[in-house]
Amino acid sequence: MAVPQYSNLFTCLHDEPEPVGALGRGTHYSIFRCVEWLDVARRPLQVPQIHDFAVVWDEDHDTRVVEAIERIYMAGLLSPVQFIGERKGFLTVIVAARFYFYGSEEQLQAYRRAIEAIADDLDDPWTVEIGSFDRQPGSPHQTFPEAIISDNEHRVRLYLANIDSLWSLGTRAYRPSPTAPHLLMPAASSPGVMPNSPAPRIFPPGGVLPPTGD
């Protein structure tokens, strides 16, 4: 089954279209990827990074949350986000602990107000709560899941940690996969057999090919 694409701004890497297991009220999740020009602390980058984050759904799988995420992204507010979800009229945004504890309390409140302004401008306004996630096993006290899932906090923390363990959420450097050598080597032809088409030319940085000498 093809993975659905919820947005033109993000790629969906993994999708659970319906409840899985018995956590909360029909809890399930999807993983999205985007490109970021800000790091996890919202500082400008010279080279963009990859950002993977999780959308945590409840039983109704309300895709209206995607519009909110798109607006957050276009406002330059998404890079710290690890998990985000809507439940019972609340938009819960869980950011990396590195961002949550990075600046002053006023900076965190300014971030909250910016998210609230976006949530208030939606067709159906949502109340915003900001939580924190710390993947370090020795720092569970720095994870605040808020009300993203209606269940025992210990179980919710474990669920979020398992998702992060599987997907390594957050921003990171982009590392392209090396091209397989056999894809660049023309195959030898045999008598009576049409040769394979030549391998495509690989463009150098800048997109300009050197002279061919023809």
Foldseek 3Di string as FASTA:
>chain_A
DDDDDLDPAKDWPADDPWADDDFFARKDKTKIKHKAQAALLLHGHPDIWIFIAMEIEHGVRDSVVVVLQVVCVVVSNPQQFRYWYDDPQETETEGELCNVPVDDPVVVVVSLVVSQVSQCPDPRRGHYDYFYAYLDPVPPVRGDRDPRGPDPPVVVNVVSNVVCVVPVGGIDHDDDDDDDVVLQDFDDDDPPGDGDDHRDDDADPPRDDDDPVD
